[in-house]
Amino acid sequence: MNDIDVHELKKRLDQEEKLVIIDVREEQEHQTFNIGGQLIPLGYLLHNIDEIEEHKDSEVIVYCRSGMRSATAKEMLAMKGFSKVRNLTGGVLAWISAFHN
């Protein structure tokens, strides 16, 4: 599935669309600033796969600081049978650049 950019995600959040969003950063990063969603740090993603197993056939949006860790998370989830995973292009840095200047 194609990745998602910050403008599309923000539009969908503003419309209060029910989305499955996973933040794969570390807890301290999540506490400092987050877009929303469930925190599952990348290093624990496969160990906690059961927490999101019910969303295997749903669109799942993953994000991190810059898009690199979430790109890895996208690949990991795809290997576990998640068919509709989208990476937030540019991550939190792109979000802050677009909406918090």
C-alpha atoms as a PDB file:
ATOM      1  CA  MET A   1       0.000   0.000   0.000  1.00  0.00           C
ATOM      2  CA  ASN A   2       1.211   3.517  -0.726  1.00  0.00           C
ATOM      3  CA  ASP A   3       2.577   5.647   2.076  1.00  0.00           C
ATOM      4  CA  ILE A   4       0.636   8.597   3.462  1.00  0.00           C
ATOM      5  CA  ASP A   5       1.741  12.211   3.758  1.00  0.00           C
ATOM      6  CA  VAL A   6       1.078  14.544   6.669  1.00  0.00           C
ATOM      7  CA  HIS A   7      -1.573  16.558   4.810  1.00  0.00           C
ATOM      8  CA  GLU A   8      -3.714  13.512   4.022  1.00  0.00           C
ATOM      9  CA  LEU A   9      -3.361  12.203   7.576  1.00  0.00           C
ATOM     10  CA  LYS A  10      -4.239  15.559   9.138  1.00  0.00           C
ATOM     11  CA  LYS A  11      -7.293  15.898   6.892  1.00  0.00           C
ATOM     12  CA  ARG A  12      -8.498  12.470   7.920  1.00  0.00           C
ATOM     13  CA  LEU A  13      -7.860  13.173  11.615  1.00  0.00           C
ATOM     14  CA  ASP A  14      -9.667  16.526  11.329  1.00  0.00           C
ATOM     15  CA  GLN A  15     -12.642  14.644   9.869  1.00  0.00           C
ATOM     16  CA  GLU A  16     -12.488  12.432  12.974  1.00  0.00           C
ATOM     17  CA  GLU A  17     -12.018   9.330  10.866  1.00  0.00           C
ATOM     18  CA  LYS A  18     -11.372   6.253  12.984  1.00  0.00           C
ATOM     19  CA  LEU A  19      -7.800   5.294  12.132  1.00  0.00           C
ATOM     20  CA  VAL A  20      -5.365   2.664  13.365  1.00  0.00           C
ATOM     21  CA  ILE A  21      -2.190   4.644  14.064  1.00  0.00           C
ATOM     22  CA  ILE A  22       0.955   3.224  15.637  1.00  0.00           C
ATOM     23  CA  ASP A  23       3.839   5.333  16.909  1.00  0.00           C
ATOM     24  CA  VAL A  24       7.012   3.217  16.728  1.00  0.00           C
ATOM     25  CA  ARG A  25       9.246   5.752  18.496  1.00  0.00           C
ATOM     26  CA  GLU A  26      10.472   5.406  22.077  1.00  0.00           C
ATOM     27  CA  GLU A  27       8.280   6.360  25.037  1.00  0.00           C
ATOM     28  CA  GLN A  28      10.134   9.608  25.827  1.00  0.00           C
ATOM     29  CA  GLU A  29       9.736  10.746  22.206  1.00  0.00           C
ATOM     30  CA  HIS A  30       6.012   9.945  22.338  1.00  0.00           C
ATOM     31  CA  GLN A  31       5.603  11.906  25.576  1.00  0.00           C
ATOM     32  CA  THR A  32       7.350  14.953  24.114  1.00  0.00           C
ATOM     33  CA  PHE A  33       5.114  15.149  21.021  1.00  0.00           C
ATOM     34  CA  ASN A  34       2.797  12.729  19.302  1.00  0.00           C
ATOM     35  CA  ILE A  35       0.236  12.726  16.544  1.00  0.00           C
ATOM     36  CA  GLY A  36      -1.878  10.132  18.276  1.00  0.00           C
ATOM     37  CA  GLY A  37      -2.323   6.434  18.135  1.00  0.00           C
ATOM     38  CA  GLN A  38      -0.882   3.566  20.058  1.00  0.00           C
ATOM     39  CA  LEU A  39       2.746   3.585  21.192  1.00  0.00           C
ATOM     40  CA  ILE A  40       4.608   0.389  20.331  1.00  0.00           C
ATOM     41  CA  PRO A  41       8.349   1.115  20.038  1.00  0.00           C
ATOM     42  CA  LEU A  42       9.947  -0.543  17.025  1.00  0.00           C
ATOM     43  CA  GLY A  43      12.071  -2.847  19.187  1.00  0.00           C
ATOM     44  CA  TYR A  44       8.920  -4.269  20.796  1.00  0.00           C
ATOM     45  CA  LEU A  45       6.685  -4.363  17.726  1.00  0.00           C
ATOM     46  CA  LEU A  46       6.958  -8.072  16.954  1.00  0.00           C
ATOM     47  CA  HIS A  47       6.775  -8.978  20.653  1.00  0.00           C
ATOM     48  CA  ASN A  48       3.512  -7.037  20.950  1.00  0.00           C
ATOM     49  CA  ILE A  49       1.974  -8.014  17.615  1.00  0.00           C
ATOM     50  CA  ASP A  50      -0.981  -9.578  19.426  1.00  0.00           C
ATOM     51  CA  GLU A  51      -2.037  -6.071  20.552  1.00  0.00           C
ATOM     52  CA  ILE A  52      -2.794  -5.132  16.954  1.00  0.00           C
ATOM     53  CA  GLU A  53      -3.539  -8.533  15.393  1.00  0.00           C
ATOM     54  CA  GLU A  54      -7.224  -7.608  15.050  1.00  0.00           C
ATOM     55  CA  HIS A  55      -6.204  -4.896  12.552  1.00  0.00           C
ATOM     56  CA  LYS A  56      -4.373  -7.273  10.200  1.00  0.00           C
ATOM     57  CA  ASP A  57      -6.799  -6.559   7.352  1.00  0.00           C
ATOM     58  CA  SER A  58      -7.350  -2.873   8.207  1.00  0.00           C
ATOM     59  CA  GLU A  59      -5.393   0.158   7.104  1.00  0.00           C
ATOM     60  CA  VAL A  60      -2.614   0.682   9.650  1.00  0.00           C
ATOM     61  CA  ILE A  61      -0.597   3.908   9.679  1.00  0.00           C
ATOM     62  CA  VAL A  62       2.849   3.801  11.297  1.00  0.00           C
ATOM     63  CA  TYR A  63       5.017   6.777  12.127  1.00  0.00           C
ATOM     64  CA  CYS A  64       8.263   7.752  13.811  1.00  0.00           C
ATOM     65  CA  ARG A  65      10.521  10.813  13.926  1.00  0.00           C
ATOM     66  CA  SER A  66      11.593  10.906  10.270  1.00  0.00           C
ATOM     67  CA  GLY A  67       9.967   7.939   8.560  1.00  0.00           C
ATOM     68  CA  MET A  68      12.915   5.548   8.749  1.00  0.00           C
ATOM     69  CA  ARG A  69      11.880   3.399  11.732  1.00  0.00           C
ATOM     70  CA  SER A  70       8.296   3.364  10.548  1.00  0.00           C
ATOM     71  CA  ALA A  71       9.467   2.174   7.109  1.00  0.00           C
ATOM     72  CA  THR A  72      11.091  -0.755   8.917  1.00  0.00           C
ATOM     73  CA  ALA A  73       7.893  -1.274  10.931  1.00  0.00           C
ATOM     74  CA  LYS A  74       5.892  -1.331   7.700  1.00  0.00           C
ATOM     75  CA  GLU A  75       8.108  -4.110   6.344  1.00  0.00           C
ATOM     76  CA  MET A  76       7.931  -6.062   9.615  1.00  0.00           C
ATOM     77  CA  LEU A  77       4.146  -5.881   9.723  1.00  0.00           C
ATOM     78  CA  ALA A  78       3.872  -6.850   6.058  1.00  0.00           C
ATOM     79  CA  MET A  79       5.939  -9.968   6.808  1.00  0.00           C
ATOM     80  CA  LYS A  80       3.414 -10.804   9.546  1.00  0.00           C
ATOM     81  CA  GLY A  81       0.501 -10.601   7.121  1.00  0.00           C
ATOM     82  CA  PHE A  82      -0.624  -6.994   7.571  1.00  0.00           C
ATOM     83  CA  SER A  83      -1.680  -6.076   4.049  1.00  0.00           C
ATOM     84  CA  LYS A  84      -2.594  -2.381   4.324  1.00  0.00           C
ATOM     85  CA  VAL A  85       0.268  -0.711   6.217  1.00  0.00           C
ATOM     86  CA  ARG A  86       1.139   2.880   5.348  1.00  0.00           C
ATOM     87  CA  ASN A  87       4.192   4.800   6.507  1.00  0.00           C
ATOM     88  CA  LEU A  88       3.821   8.486   7.381  1.00  0.00           C
ATOM     89  CA  THR A  89       6.279  10.103   4.974  1.00  0.00           C
ATOM     90  CA  GLY A  90       8.715  12.332   6.846  1.00  0.00           C
ATOM     91  CA  GLY A  91       7.282  11.366  10.236  1.00  0.00           C
ATOM     92  CA  VAL A  92       6.899  13.795  13.118  1.00  0.00           C
ATOM     93  CA  LEU A  93       9.508  16.130  11.621  1.00  0.00           C
ATOM     94  CA  ALA A  94       7.347  16.637   8.528  1.00  0.00           C
ATOM     95  CA  TRP A  95       4.250  17.036  10.708  1.00  0.00           C
ATOM     96  CA  ILE A  96       5.876  19.738  12.847  1.00  0.00           C
ATOM     97  CA  SER A  97       7.275  21.480   9.766  1.00  0.00           C
ATOM     98  CA  ALA A  98       3.862  21.544   8.099  1.00  0.00           C
ATOM     99  CA  PHE A  99       1.636  22.430  11.037  1.00  0.00           C
ATOM    100  CA  HIS A 100       3.665  23.936  13.889  1.00  0.00           C
ATOM    101  CA  ASN A 101       5.573  26.851  12.390  1.00  0.00           C
END
